[in-house]
Amino acid sequence: MRQWYRDRAVEVFQRRLDLVVDCLSWTTTAPAWRMMEMQTQWGSCSPEGAVLLNPHLIKAPTRAIDYVLLHELCHLVEHNHSPRFCGLLDRFMPEWRSVKEKLDGESEVIIGV
């Protein structure tokens, strides 16, 4: 079952990443990404722009996946959580706070902690 989720995640994450990238003005191609199980994060973005995604995210709703992808892609512009960073999220997903709250509230069920 674990491998099935990972295989599905590769397909879905790449497709959703391509769609999110298409909406952004600061990037034209999807950055390199990989998966790693994390207990406290859905994703991360290195200073070099590589995106790391939690494979458990595949169990979340599509809008939550899009939020995490957008969040990490915003770090390509602002590698912090400054007001400018939040402004980028607001611009491309005005409801990001409620999506994040719901995702974080369901994390124990999704990750299975």
PDB file of N, CA and C in Angstrom:
ATOM      1  N   MET A   1       0.823  -1.189   0.000  1.00  0.00           N
ATOM      2  CA  MET A   1       0.000   0.000   0.000  1.00  0.00           C
ATOM      3  C   MET A   1       0.870   1.258   0.000  1.00  0.00           C
ATOM      4  N   ARG A   2       1.930   1.233   0.791  1.00  0.00           N
ATOM      5  CA  ARG A   2       2.832   2.378   0.869  1.00  0.00           C
ATOM      6  C   ARG A   2       3.418   2.715  -0.510  1.00  0.00           C
ATOM      7  N   GLN A   3       3.830   1.685  -1.246  1.00  0.00           N
ATOM      8  CA  GLN A   3       4.393   1.916  -2.583  1.00  0.00           C
ATOM      9  C   GLN A   3       3.333   2.452  -3.539  1.00  0.00           C
ATOM     10  N   TRP A   4       2.100   1.995  -3.401  1.00  0.00           N
ATOM     11  CA  TRP A   4       1.024   2.491  -4.261  1.00  0.00           C
ATOM     12  C   TRP A   4       0.834   3.995  -4.043  1.00  0.00           C
ATOM     13  N   TYR A   5       0.837   4.413  -2.776  1.00  0.00           N
ATOM     14  CA  TYR A   5       0.711   5.849  -2.474  1.00  0.00           C
ATOM     15  C   TYR A   5       1.874   6.639  -3.074  1.00  0.00           C
ATOM     16  N   ARG A   6       3.083   6.102  -2.945  1.00  0.00           N
ATOM     17  CA  ARG A   6       4.254   6.806  -3.484  1.00  0.00           C
ATOM     18  C   ARG A   6       4.173   6.913  -5.008  1.00  0.00           C
ATOM     19  N   ASP A   7       3.780   5.836  -5.666  1.00  0.00           N
ATOM     20  CA  ASP A   7       3.646   5.861  -7.129  1.00  0.00           C
ATOM     21  C   ASP A   7       2.598   6.876  -7.553  1.00  0.00           C
ATOM     22  N   ARG A   8       1.496   6.887  -6.860  1.00  0.00           N
ATOM     23  CA  ARG A   8       0.421   7.846  -7.155  1.00  0.00           C
ATOM     24  C   ARG A   8       0.898   9.273  -6.891  1.00  0.00           C
ATOM     25  N   ALA A   9       1.652   9.466  -5.820  1.00  0.00           N
ATOM     26  CA  ALA A   9       2.161  10.787  -5.477  1.00  0.00           C
ATOM     27  C   ALA A   9       3.069  11.329  -6.576  1.00  0.00           C
ATOM     28  N   VAL A  10       3.928  10.501  -7.127  1.00  0.00           N
ATOM     29  CA  VAL A  10       4.824  10.953  -8.204  1.00  0.00           C
ATOM     30  C   VAL A  10       4.004  11.513  -9.354  1.00  0.00           C
ATOM     31  N   GLU A  11       2.993  10.798  -9.747  1.00  0.00           N
ATOM     32  CA  GLU A  11       2.147  11.223 -10.868  1.00  0.00           C
ATOM     33  C   GLU A  11       1.360  12.496 -10.533  1.00  0.00           C
ATOM     34  N   VAL A  12       0.690  12.497  -9.412  1.00  0.00           N
ATOM     35  CA  VAL A  12      -0.173  13.623  -9.039  1.00  0.00           C
ATOM     36  C   VAL A  12       0.648  14.871  -8.717  1.00  0.00           C
ATOM     37  N   PHE A  13       1.708  14.713  -7.943  1.00  0.00           N
ATOM     38  CA  PHE A  13       2.517  15.887  -7.580  1.00  0.00           C
ATOM     39  C   PHE A  13       3.101  16.557  -8.818  1.00  0.00           C
ATOM     40  N   GLN A  14       3.594  15.774  -9.772  1.00  0.00           N
ATOM     41  CA  GLN A  14       4.167  16.381 -10.972  1.00  0.00           C
ATOM     42  C   GLN A  14       3.096  17.111 -11.779  1.00  0.00           C
ATOM     43  N   ARG A  15       1.938  16.491 -11.924  1.00  0.00           N
ATOM     44  CA  ARG A  15       0.847  17.118 -12.679  1.00  0.00           C
ATOM     45  C   ARG A  15       0.386  18.413 -12.010  1.00  0.00           C
ATOM     46  N   ARG A  16       0.191  18.371 -10.697  1.00  0.00           N
ATOM     47  CA  ARG A  16      -0.264  19.564  -9.979  1.00  0.00           C
ATOM     48  C   ARG A  16       0.824  20.641  -9.971  1.00  0.00           C
ATOM     49  N   LEU A  17       2.081  20.228  -9.826  1.00  0.00           N
ATOM     50  CA  LEU A  17       3.184  21.180  -9.843  1.00  0.00           C
ATOM     51  C   LEU A  17       3.238  21.917 -11.181  1.00  0.00           C
ATOM     52  N   ASP A  18       3.092  21.190 -12.263  1.00  0.00           N
ATOM     53  CA  ASP A  18       3.086  21.821 -13.586  1.00  0.00           C
ATOM     54  C   ASP A  18       1.952  22.832 -13.709  1.00  0.00           C
ATOM     55  N   LEU A  19       0.780  22.484 -13.181  1.00  0.00           N
ATOM     56  CA  LEU A  19      -0.365  23.394 -13.247  1.00  0.00           C
ATOM     57  C   LEU A  19      -0.142  24.649 -12.405  1.00  0.00           C
ATOM     58  N   VAL A  20       0.410  24.484 -11.221  1.00  0.00           N
ATOM     59  CA  VAL A  20       0.665  25.643 -10.358  1.00  0.00           C
ATOM     60  C   VAL A  20       1.732  26.535 -10.982  1.00  0.00           C
ATOM     61  N   VAL A  21       2.800  25.949 -11.494  1.00  0.00           N
ATOM     62  CA  VAL A  21       3.869  26.726 -12.128  1.00  0.00           C
ATOM     63  C   VAL A  21       3.318  27.566 -13.278  1.00  0.00           C
ATOM     64  N   ASP A  22       2.375  27.013 -14.036  1.00  0.00           N
ATOM     65  CA  ASP A  22       1.784  27.738 -15.168  1.00  0.00           C
ATOM     66  C   ASP A  22       1.098  29.036 -14.741  1.00  0.00           C
ATOM     67  N   CYS A  23       0.679  29.130 -13.490  1.00  0.00           N
ATOM     68  CA  CYS A  23      -0.020  30.319 -12.997  1.00  0.00           C
ATOM     69  C   CYS A  23       0.919  31.390 -12.456  1.00  0.00           C
ATOM     70  N   LEU A  24       2.181  31.086 -12.305  1.00  0.00           N
ATOM     71  CA  LEU A  24       3.118  31.987 -11.639  1.00  0.00           C
ATOM     72  C   LEU A  24       3.969  32.760 -12.637  1.00  0.00           C
ATOM     73  N   SER A  25       4.302  33.980 -12.276  1.00  0.00           N
ATOM     74  CA  SER A  25       5.092  34.822 -13.174  1.00  0.00           C
ATOM     75  C   SER A  25       6.592  34.667 -12.971  1.00  0.00           C
ATOM     76  N   TRP A  26       7.032  34.109 -11.838  1.00  0.00           N
ATOM     77  CA  TRP A  26       8.463  34.066 -11.541  1.00  0.00           C
ATOM     78  C   TRP A  26       9.146  32.770 -11.945  1.00  0.00           C
ATOM     79  N   THR A  27       8.417  31.834 -12.485  1.00  0.00           N
ATOM     80  CA  THR A  27       9.037  30.586 -12.931  1.00  0.00           C
ATOM     81  C   THR A  27       8.271  30.037 -14.130  1.00  0.00           C
ATOM     82  N   THR A  28       8.984  29.428 -15.042  1.00  0.00           N
ATOM     83  CA  THR A  28       8.335  28.873 -16.238  1.00  0.00           C
ATOM     84  C   THR A  28       8.424  27.359 -16.279  1.00  0.00           C
ATOM     85  N   THR A  29       9.262  26.789 -15.446  1.00  0.00           N
ATOM     86  CA  THR A  29       9.384  25.338 -15.401  1.00  0.00           C
ATOM     87  C   THR A  29       9.336  24.865 -13.960  1.00  0.00           C
ATOM     88  N   ALA A  30       8.853  23.663 -13.794  1.00  0.00           N
ATOM     89  CA  ALA A  30       8.774  23.081 -12.452  1.00  0.00           C
ATOM     90  C   ALA A  30      10.186  22.815 -11.926  1.00  0.00           C
ATOM     91  N   PRO A  31      10.442  23.171 -10.676  1.00  0.00           N
ATOM     92  CA  PRO A  31      11.765  22.899 -10.097  1.00  0.00           C
ATOM     93  C   PRO A  31      11.948  21.408  -9.839  1.00  0.00           C
ATOM     94  N   ALA A  32      13.176  21.029  -9.608  1.00  0.00           N
ATOM     95  CA  ALA A  32      13.454  19.655  -9.205  1.00  0.00           C
ATOM     96  C   ALA A  32      12.748  19.387  -7.883  1.00  0.00           C
ATOM     97  N   TRP A  33      12.223  18.187  -7.736  1.00  0.00           N
ATOM     98  CA  TRP A  33      11.559  17.845  -6.490  1.00  0.00           C
ATOM     99  C   TRP A  33      11.755  16.362  -6.202  1.00  0.00           C
ATOM    100  N   ARG A  34      11.577  16.031  -4.941  1.00  0.00           N
ATOM    101  CA  ARG A  34      11.615  14.631  -4.523  1.00  0.00           C
ATOM    102  C   ARG A  34      10.742  14.483  -3.279  1.00  0.00           C
ATOM    103  N   MET A  35      10.562  13.243  -2.858  1.00  0.00           N
ATOM    104  CA  MET A  35       9.722  12.983  -1.692  1.00  0.00           C
ATOM    105  C   MET A  35      10.555  12.473  -0.522  1.00  0.00           C
ATOM    106  N   MET A  36      10.115  12.869   0.665  1.00  0.00           N
ATOM    107  CA  MET A  36      10.708  12.371   1.894  1.00  0.00           C
ATOM    108  C   MET A  36       9.649  12.434   2.992  1.00  0.00           C
ATOM    109  N   GLU A  37       9.502  11.345   3.721  1.00  0.00           N
ATOM    110  CA  GLU A  37       8.535  11.346   4.822  1.00  0.00           C
ATOM    111  C   GLU A  37       9.011  12.281   5.917  1.00  0.00           C
ATOM    112  N   MET A  38       8.100  13.150   6.356  1.00  0.00           N
ATOM    113  CA  MET A  38       8.393  14.110   7.412  1.00  0.00           C
ATOM    114  C   MET A  38       7.245  14.072   8.413  1.00  0.00           C
ATOM    115  N   GLN A  39       7.553  14.244   9.669  1.00  0.00           N
ATOM    116  CA  GLN A  39       6.519  14.203  10.706  1.00  0.00           C
ATOM    117  C   GLN A  39       5.853  15.557  10.925  1.00  0.00           C
ATOM    118  N   THR A  40       6.562  16.635  10.647  1.00  0.00           N
ATOM    119  CA  THR A  40       6.017  17.949  10.991  1.00  0.00           C
ATOM    120  C   THR A  40       5.873  18.900   9.809  1.00  0.00           C
ATOM    121  N   GLN A  41       6.248  18.482   8.618  1.00  0.00           N
ATOM    122  CA  GLN A  41       6.162  19.361   7.460  1.00  0.00           C
ATOM    123  C   GLN A  41       5.511  18.643   6.286  1.00  0.00           C
ATOM    124  N   TRP A  42       4.814  19.417   5.475  1.00  0.00           N
ATOM    125  CA  TRP A  42       4.243  18.900   4.230  1.00  0.00           C
ATOM    126  C   TRP A  42       5.223  19.060   3.078  1.00  0.00           C
ATOM    127  N   GLY A  43       6.109  20.036   3.209  1.00  0.00           N
ATOM    128  CA  GLY A  43       7.089  20.266   2.160  1.00  0.00           C
ATOM    129  C   GLY A  43       8.148  21.235   2.630  1.00  0.00           C
ATOM    130  N   SER A  44       9.160  21.397   1.795  1.00  0.00           N
ATOM    131  CA  SER A  44      10.188  22.401   2.050  1.00  0.00           C
ATOM    132  C   SER A  44      10.823  22.780   0.721  1.00  0.00           C
ATOM    133  N   CYS A  45      11.541  23.885   0.742  1.00  0.00           N
ATOM    134  CA  CYS A  45      12.220  24.376  -0.453  1.00  0.00           C
ATOM    135  C   CYS A  45      13.625  24.788  -0.041  1.00  0.00           C
ATOM    136  N   SER A  46      14.613  24.219  -0.697  1.00  0.00           N
ATOM    137  CA  SER A  46      16.003  24.549  -0.364  1.00  0.00           C
ATOM    138  C   SER A  46      16.352  25.924  -0.915  1.00  0.00           C
ATOM    139  N   PRO A  47      17.406  26.542  -0.397  1.00  0.00           N
ATOM    140  CA  PRO A  47      17.844  27.835  -0.945  1.00  0.00           C
ATOM    141  C   PRO A  47      18.170  27.752  -2.445  1.00  0.00           C
ATOM    142  N   GLU A  48      18.523  26.571  -2.905  1.00  0.00           N
ATOM    143  CA  GLU A  48      18.816  26.376  -4.328  1.00  0.00           C
ATOM    144  C   GLU A  48      17.552  26.175  -5.162  1.00  0.00           C
ATOM    145  N   GLY A  49      16.408  26.035  -4.505  1.00  0.00           N
ATOM    146  CA  GLY A  49      15.143  25.917  -5.207  1.00  0.00           C
ATOM    147  C   GLY A  49      14.625  24.503  -5.404  1.00  0.00           C
ATOM    148  N   ALA A  50      15.242  23.521  -4.781  1.00  0.00           N
ATOM    149  CA  ALA A  50      14.745  22.145  -4.872  1.00  0.00           C
ATOM    150  C   ALA A  50      13.597  21.956  -3.871  1.00  0.00           C
ATOM    151  N   VAL A  51      12.534  21.339  -4.316  1.00  0.00           N
ATOM    152  CA  VAL A  51      11.342  21.151  -3.489  1.00  0.00           C
ATOM    153  C   VAL A  51      11.307  19.725  -2.951  1.00  0.00           C
ATOM    154  N   LEU A  52      11.005  19.616  -1.680  1.00  0.00           N
ATOM    155  CA  LEU A  52      10.866  18.342  -0.996  1.00  0.00           C
ATOM    156  C   LEU A  52       9.418  18.229  -0.554  1.00  0.00           C
ATOM    157  N   LEU A  53       8.767  17.108  -0.876  1.00  0.00           N
ATOM    158  CA  LEU A  53       7.354  16.922  -0.543  1.00  0.00           C
ATOM    159  C   LEU A  53       7.163  15.667   0.298  1.00  0.00           C
ATOM    160  N   ASN A  54       6.284  15.766   1.264  1.00  0.00           N
ATOM    161  CA  ASN A  54       5.930  14.635   2.105  1.00  0.00           C
ATOM    162  C   ASN A  54       5.001  13.723   1.300  1.00  0.00           C
ATOM    163  N   PRO A  55       5.358  12.447   1.093  1.00  0.00           N
ATOM    164  CA  PRO A  55       4.498  11.569   0.293  1.00  0.00           C
ATOM    165  C   PRO A  55       3.102  11.385   0.886  1.00  0.00           C
ATOM    166  N   HIS A  56       2.939  11.596   2.191  1.00  0.00           N
ATOM    167  CA  HIS A  56       1.614  11.480   2.805  1.00  0.00           C
ATOM    168  C   HIS A  56       0.651  12.553   2.299  1.00  0.00           C
ATOM    169  N   LEU A  57       1.192  13.613   1.728  1.00  0.00           N
ATOM    170  CA  LEU A  57       0.355  14.689   1.190  1.00  0.00           C
ATOM    171  C   LEU A  57      -0.599  14.176   0.117  1.00  0.00           C
ATOM    172  N   ILE A  58      -0.263  13.069  -0.516  1.00  0.00           N
ATOM    173  CA  ILE A  58      -1.128  12.507  -1.565  1.00  0.00           C
ATOM    174  C   ILE A  58      -2.501  12.129  -1.004  1.00  0.00           C
ATOM    175  N   LYS A  59      -2.595  11.909   0.289  1.00  0.00           N
ATOM    176  CA  LYS A  59      -3.857  11.529   0.927  1.00  0.00           C
ATOM    177  C   LYS A  59      -4.746  12.736   1.205  1.00  0.00           C
ATOM    178  N   ALA A  60      -4.226  13.934   0.990  1.00  0.00           N
ATOM    179  CA  ALA A  60      -4.966  15.169   1.254  1.00  0.00           C
ATOM    180  C   ALA A  60      -5.757  15.584   0.015  1.00  0.00           C
ATOM    181  N   PRO A  61      -6.727  16.473   0.191  1.00  0.00           N
ATOM    182  CA  PRO A  61      -7.485  16.981  -0.960  1.00  0.00           C
ATOM    183  C   PRO A  61      -6.564  17.722  -1.946  1.00  0.00           C
ATOM    184  N   THR A  62      -6.967  17.743  -3.188  1.00  0.00           N
ATOM    185  CA  THR A  62      -6.185  18.396  -4.242  1.00  0.00           C
ATOM    186  C   THR A  62      -5.876  19.844  -3.902  1.00  0.00           C
ATOM    187  N   ARG A  63      -6.830  20.565  -3.337  1.00  0.00           N
ATOM    188  CA  ARG A  63      -6.593  21.975  -3.005  1.00  0.00           C
ATOM    189  C   ARG A  63      -5.476  22.112  -1.974  1.00  0.00           C
ATOM    190  N   ALA A  64      -5.376  21.160  -1.061  1.00  0.00           N
ATOM    191  CA  ALA A  64      -4.304  21.176  -0.070  1.00  0.00           C
ATOM    192  C   ALA A  64      -2.953  20.886  -0.729  1.00  0.00           C
ATOM    193  N   ILE A  65      -2.938  19.963  -1.669  1.00  0.00           N
ATOM    194  CA  ILE A  65      -1.709  19.684  -2.419  1.00  0.00           C
ATOM    195  C   ILE A  65      -1.274  20.946  -3.157  1.00  0.00           C
ATOM    196  N   ASP A  66      -2.215  21.598  -3.815  1.00  0.00           N
ATOM    197  CA  ASP A  66      -1.899  22.837  -4.533  1.00  0.00           C
ATOM    198  C   ASP A  66      -1.371  23.911  -3.587  1.00  0.00           C
ATOM    199  N   TYR A  67      -1.953  24.006  -2.406  1.00  0.00           N
ATOM    200  CA  TYR A  67      -1.479  24.979  -1.422  1.00  0.00           C
ATOM    201  C   TYR A  67      -0.021  24.707  -1.055  1.00  0.00           C
ATOM    202  N   VAL A  68       0.308  23.468  -0.744  1.00  0.00           N
ATOM    203  CA  VAL A  68       1.684  23.138  -0.349  1.00  0.00           C
ATOM    204  C   VAL A  68       2.647  23.431  -1.499  1.00  0.00           C
ATOM    205  N   LEU A  69       2.254  23.072  -2.708  1.00  0.00           N
ATOM    206  CA  LEU A  69       3.110  23.356  -3.864  1.00  0.00           C
ATOM    207  C   LEU A  69       3.304  24.860  -4.043  1.00  0.00           C
ATOM    208  N   LEU A  70       2.215  25.614  -3.964  1.00  0.00           N
ATOM    209  CA  LEU A  70       2.312  27.061  -4.090  1.00  0.00           C
ATOM    210  C   LEU A  70       3.193  27.638  -2.979  1.00  0.00           C
ATOM    211  N   HIS A  71       2.989  27.170  -1.761  1.00  0.00           N
ATOM    212  CA  HIS A  71       3.789  27.629  -0.625  1.00  0.00           C
ATOM    213  C   HIS A  71       5.279  27.454  -0.919  1.00  0.00           C
ATOM    214  N   GLU A  72       5.648  26.266  -1.371  1.00  0.00           N
ATOM    215  CA  GLU A  72       7.065  26.007  -1.639  1.00  0.00           C
ATOM    216  C   GLU A  72       7.566  26.832  -2.826  1.00  0.00           C
ATOM    217  N   LEU A  73       6.754  27.014  -3.844  1.00  0.00           N
ATOM    218  CA  LEU A  73       7.169  27.817  -4.998  1.00  0.00           C
ATOM    219  C   LEU A  73       7.301  29.293  -4.638  1.00  0.00           C
ATOM    220  N   CYS A  74       6.512  29.767  -3.689  1.00  0.00           N
ATOM    221  CA  CYS A  74       6.660  31.152  -3.224  1.00  0.00           C
ATOM    222  C   CYS A  74       8.011  31.356  -2.550  1.00  0.00           C
ATOM    223  N   HIS A  75       8.565  30.280  -1.991  1.00  0.00           N
ATOM    224  CA  HIS A  75       9.893  30.381  -1.390  1.00  0.00           C
ATOM    225  C   HIS A  75      10.984  30.619  -2.431  1.00  0.00           C
ATOM    226  N   LEU A  76      10.695  30.409  -3.700  1.00  0.00           N
ATOM    227  CA  LEU A  76      11.668  30.739  -4.742  1.00  0.00           C
ATOM    228  C   LEU A  76      11.868  32.250  -4.820  1.00  0.00           C
ATOM    229  N   VAL A  77      10.835  33.002  -4.405  1.00  0.00           N
ATOM    230  CA  VAL A  77      10.892  34.466  -4.409  1.00  0.00           C
ATOM    231  C   VAL A  77      11.283  34.982  -3.031  1.00  0.00           C
ATOM    232  N   GLU A  78      10.657  34.460  -2.009  1.00  0.00           N
ATOM    233  CA  GLU A  78      10.887  34.872  -0.618  1.00  0.00           C
ATOM    234  C   GLU A  78      11.197  33.620   0.196  1.00  0.00           C
ATOM    235  N   HIS A  79      12.449  33.441   0.577  1.00  0.00           N
ATOM    236  CA  HIS A  79      12.810  32.232   1.327  1.00  0.00           C
ATOM    237  C   HIS A  79      12.622  32.452   2.831  1.00  0.00           C
ATOM    238  N   ASN A  80      11.412  32.881   3.174  1.00  0.00           N
ATOM    239  CA  ASN A  80      11.028  33.155   4.563  1.00  0.00           C
ATOM    240  C   ASN A  80       9.506  33.209   4.592  1.00  0.00           C
ATOM    241  N   HIS A  81       8.943  33.566   5.707  1.00  0.00           N
ATOM    242  CA  HIS A  81       7.491  33.701   5.835  1.00  0.00           C
ATOM    243  C   HIS A  81       7.126  35.155   6.135  1.00  0.00           C
ATOM    244  N   SER A  82       7.712  36.048   5.396  1.00  0.00           N
ATOM    245  CA  SER A  82       7.519  37.490   5.571  1.00  0.00           C
ATOM    246  C   SER A  82       6.145  37.926   5.052  1.00  0.00           C
ATOM    247  N   PRO A  83       5.771  39.170   5.324  1.00  0.00           N
ATOM    248  CA  PRO A  83       4.530  39.697   4.751  1.00  0.00           C
ATOM    249  C   PRO A  83       4.518  39.617   3.214  1.00  0.00           C
ATOM    250  N   ARG A  84       5.664  39.811   2.592  1.00  0.00           N
ATOM    251  CA  ARG A  84       5.729  39.701   1.122  1.00  0.00           C
ATOM    252  C   ARG A  84       5.416  38.265   0.679  1.00  0.00           C
ATOM    253  N   PHE A  85       5.954  37.294   1.417  1.00  0.00           N
ATOM    254  CA  PHE A  85       5.673  35.884   1.138  1.00  0.00           C
ATOM    255  C   PHE A  85       4.169  35.617   1.249  1.00  0.00           C
ATOM    256  N   CYS A  86       3.567  36.069   2.343  1.00  0.00           N
ATOM    257  CA  CYS A  86       2.123  35.877   2.544  1.00  0.00           C
ATOM    258  C   CYS A  86       1.323  36.595   1.458  1.00  0.00           C
ATOM    259  N   GLY A  87       1.819  37.730   1.018  1.00  0.00           N
ATOM    260  CA  GLY A  87       1.161  38.452  -0.065  1.00  0.00           C
ATOM    261  C   GLY A  87       1.143  37.660  -1.364  1.00  0.00           C
ATOM    262  N   LEU A  88       2.217  36.935  -1.627  1.00  0.00           N
ATOM    263  CA  LEU A  88       2.238  36.078  -2.819  1.00  0.00           C
ATOM    264  C   LEU A  88       1.192  34.975  -2.700  1.00  0.00           C
ATOM    265  N   LEU A  89       1.127  34.358  -1.531  1.00  0.00           N
ATOM    266  CA  LEU A  89       0.107  33.327  -1.307  1.00  0.00           C
ATOM    267  C   LEU A  89      -1.293  33.922  -1.473  1.00  0.00           C
ATOM    268  N   ASP A  90      -1.516  35.091  -0.888  1.00  0.00           N
ATOM    269  CA  ASP A  90      -2.821  35.753  -1.005  1.00  0.00           C
ATOM    270  C   ASP A  90      -3.191  36.002  -2.463  1.00  0.00           C
ATOM    271  N   ARG A  91      -2.221  36.411  -3.244  1.00  0.00           N
ATOM    272  CA  ARG A  91      -2.474  36.743  -4.652  1.00  0.00           C
ATOM    273  C   ARG A  91      -2.895  35.528  -5.469  1.00  0.00           C
ATOM    274  N   PHE A  92      -2.245  34.394  -5.219  1.00  0.00           N
ATOM    275  CA  PHE A  92      -2.495  33.219  -6.044  1.00  0.00           C
ATOM    276  C   PHE A  92      -3.456  32.210  -5.428  1.00  0.00           C
ATOM    277  N   MET A  93      -3.699  32.318  -4.116  1.00  0.00           N
ATOM    278  CA  MET A  93      -4.686  31.452  -3.454  1.00  0.00           C
ATOM    279  C   MET A  93      -5.232  32.220  -2.255  1.00  0.00           C
ATOM    280  N   PRO A  94      -6.212  33.085  -2.493  1.00  0.00           N
ATOM    281  CA  PRO A  94      -6.729  33.931  -1.409  1.00  0.00           C
ATOM    282  C   PRO A  94      -7.208  33.153  -0.175  1.00  0.00           C
ATOM    283  N   GLU A  95      -7.636  31.942  -0.356  1.00  0.00           N
ATOM    284  CA  GLU A  95      -8.163  31.149   0.763  1.00  0.00           C
ATOM    285  C   GLU A  95      -7.104  30.242   1.398  1.00  0.00           C
ATOM    286  N   TRP A  96      -5.829  30.508   1.169  1.00  0.00           N
ATOM    287  CA  TRP A  96      -4.762  29.612   1.617  1.00  0.00           C
ATOM    288  C   TRP A  96      -4.788  29.368   3.130  1.00  0.00           C
ATOM    289  N   ARG A  97      -5.166  30.358   3.903  1.00  0.00           N
ATOM    290  CA  ARG A  97      -5.160  30.183   5.361  1.00  0.00           C
ATOM    291  C   ARG A  97      -6.154  29.103   5.803  1.00  0.00           C
ATOM    292  N   SER A  98      -7.325  29.094   5.219  1.00  0.00           N
ATOM    293  CA  SER A  98      -8.309  28.066   5.595  1.00  0.00           C
ATOM    294  C   SER A  98      -7.893  26.693   5.073  1.00  0.00           C
ATOM    295  N   VAL A  99      -7.282  26.651   3.907  1.00  0.00           N
ATOM    296  CA  VAL A  99      -6.790  25.375   3.365  1.00  0.00           C
ATOM    297  C   VAL A  99      -5.692  24.830   4.268  1.00  0.00           C
ATOM    298  N   LYS A 100      -4.771  25.700   4.686  1.00  0.00           N
ATOM    299  CA  LYS A 100      -3.677  25.301   5.577  1.00  0.00           C
ATOM    300  C   LYS A 100      -4.225  24.824   6.919  1.00  0.00           C
ATOM    301  N   GLU A 101      -5.160  25.566   7.472  1.00  0.00           N
ATOM    302  CA  GLU A 101      -5.733  25.200   8.766  1.00  0.00           C
ATOM    303  C   GLU A 101      -6.387  23.818   8.708  1.00  0.00           C
ATOM    304  N   LYS A 102      -7.138  23.575   7.651  1.00  0.00           N
ATOM    305  CA  LYS A 102      -7.801  22.266   7.507  1.00  0.00           C
ATOM    306  C   LYS A 102      -6.763  21.156   7.328  1.00  0.00           C
ATOM    307  N   LEU A 103      -5.772  21.393   6.484  1.00  0.00           N
ATOM    308  CA  LEU A 103      -4.727  20.387   6.260  1.00  0.00           C
ATOM    309  C   LEU A 103      -3.978  20.093   7.556  1.00  0.00           C
ATOM    310  N   ASP A 104      -3.552  21.118   8.255  1.00  0.00           N
ATOM    311  CA  ASP A 104      -2.825  20.913   9.504  1.00  0.00           C
ATOM    312  C   ASP A 104      -3.699  20.236  10.560  1.00  0.00           C
ATOM    313  N   GLY A 105      -4.989  20.543  10.551  1.00  0.00           N
ATOM    314  CA  GLY A 105      -5.907  19.925  11.495  1.00  0.00           C
ATOM    315  C   GLY A 105      -6.130  18.438  11.243  1.00  0.00           C
ATOM    316  N   GLU A 106      -5.899  18.022  10.028  1.00  0.00           N
ATOM    317  CA  GLU A 106      -6.087  16.615   9.650  1.00  0.00           C
ATOM    318  C   GLU A 106      -4.773  15.859   9.549  1.00  0.00           C
ATOM    319  N   SER A 107      -3.676  16.487   9.951  1.00  0.00           N
ATOM    320  CA  SER A 107      -2.365  15.889   9.741  1.00  0.00           C
ATOM    321  C   SER A 107      -2.197  14.535  10.445  1.00  0.00           C
ATOM    322  N   GLU A 108      -2.718  14.407  11.647  1.00  0.00           N
ATOM    323  CA  GLU A 108      -2.567  13.138  12.355  1.00  0.00           C
ATOM    324  C   GLU A 108      -3.279  12.009  11.626  1.00  0.00           C
ATOM    325  N   VAL A 109      -4.405  12.296  11.039  1.00  0.00           N
ATOM    326  CA  VAL A 109      -5.145  11.273  10.281  1.00  0.00           C
ATOM    327  C   VAL A 109      -4.425  10.968   8.972  1.00  0.00           C
ATOM    328  N   ILE A 110      -3.978  12.016   8.277  1.00  0.00           N
ATOM    329  CA  ILE A 110      -3.333  11.833   6.981  1.00  0.00           C
ATOM    330  C   ILE A 110      -1.998  11.117   7.114  1.00  0.00           C
ATOM    331  N   ILE A 111      -1.181  11.549   8.068  1.00  0.00           N
ATOM    332  CA  ILE A 111       0.147  10.949   8.235  1.00  0.00           C
ATOM    333  C   ILE A 111       0.052   9.643   8.994  1.00  0.00           C
ATOM    334  N   GLY A 112      -0.933   9.534   9.849  1.00  0.00           N
ATOM    335  CA  GLY A 112      -1.098   8.301  10.615  1.00  0.00           C
ATOM    336  C   GLY A 112      -0.225   8.269  11.855  1.00  0.00           C
ATOM    337  N   VAL A 113      -0.027   9.441  12.452  1.00  0.00           N
ATOM    338  CA  VAL A 113       0.814   9.536  13.648  1.00  0.00           C
ATOM    339  C   VAL A 113       0.038   9.046  14.849  1.00  0.00           C
TER     340      VAL A 113
END
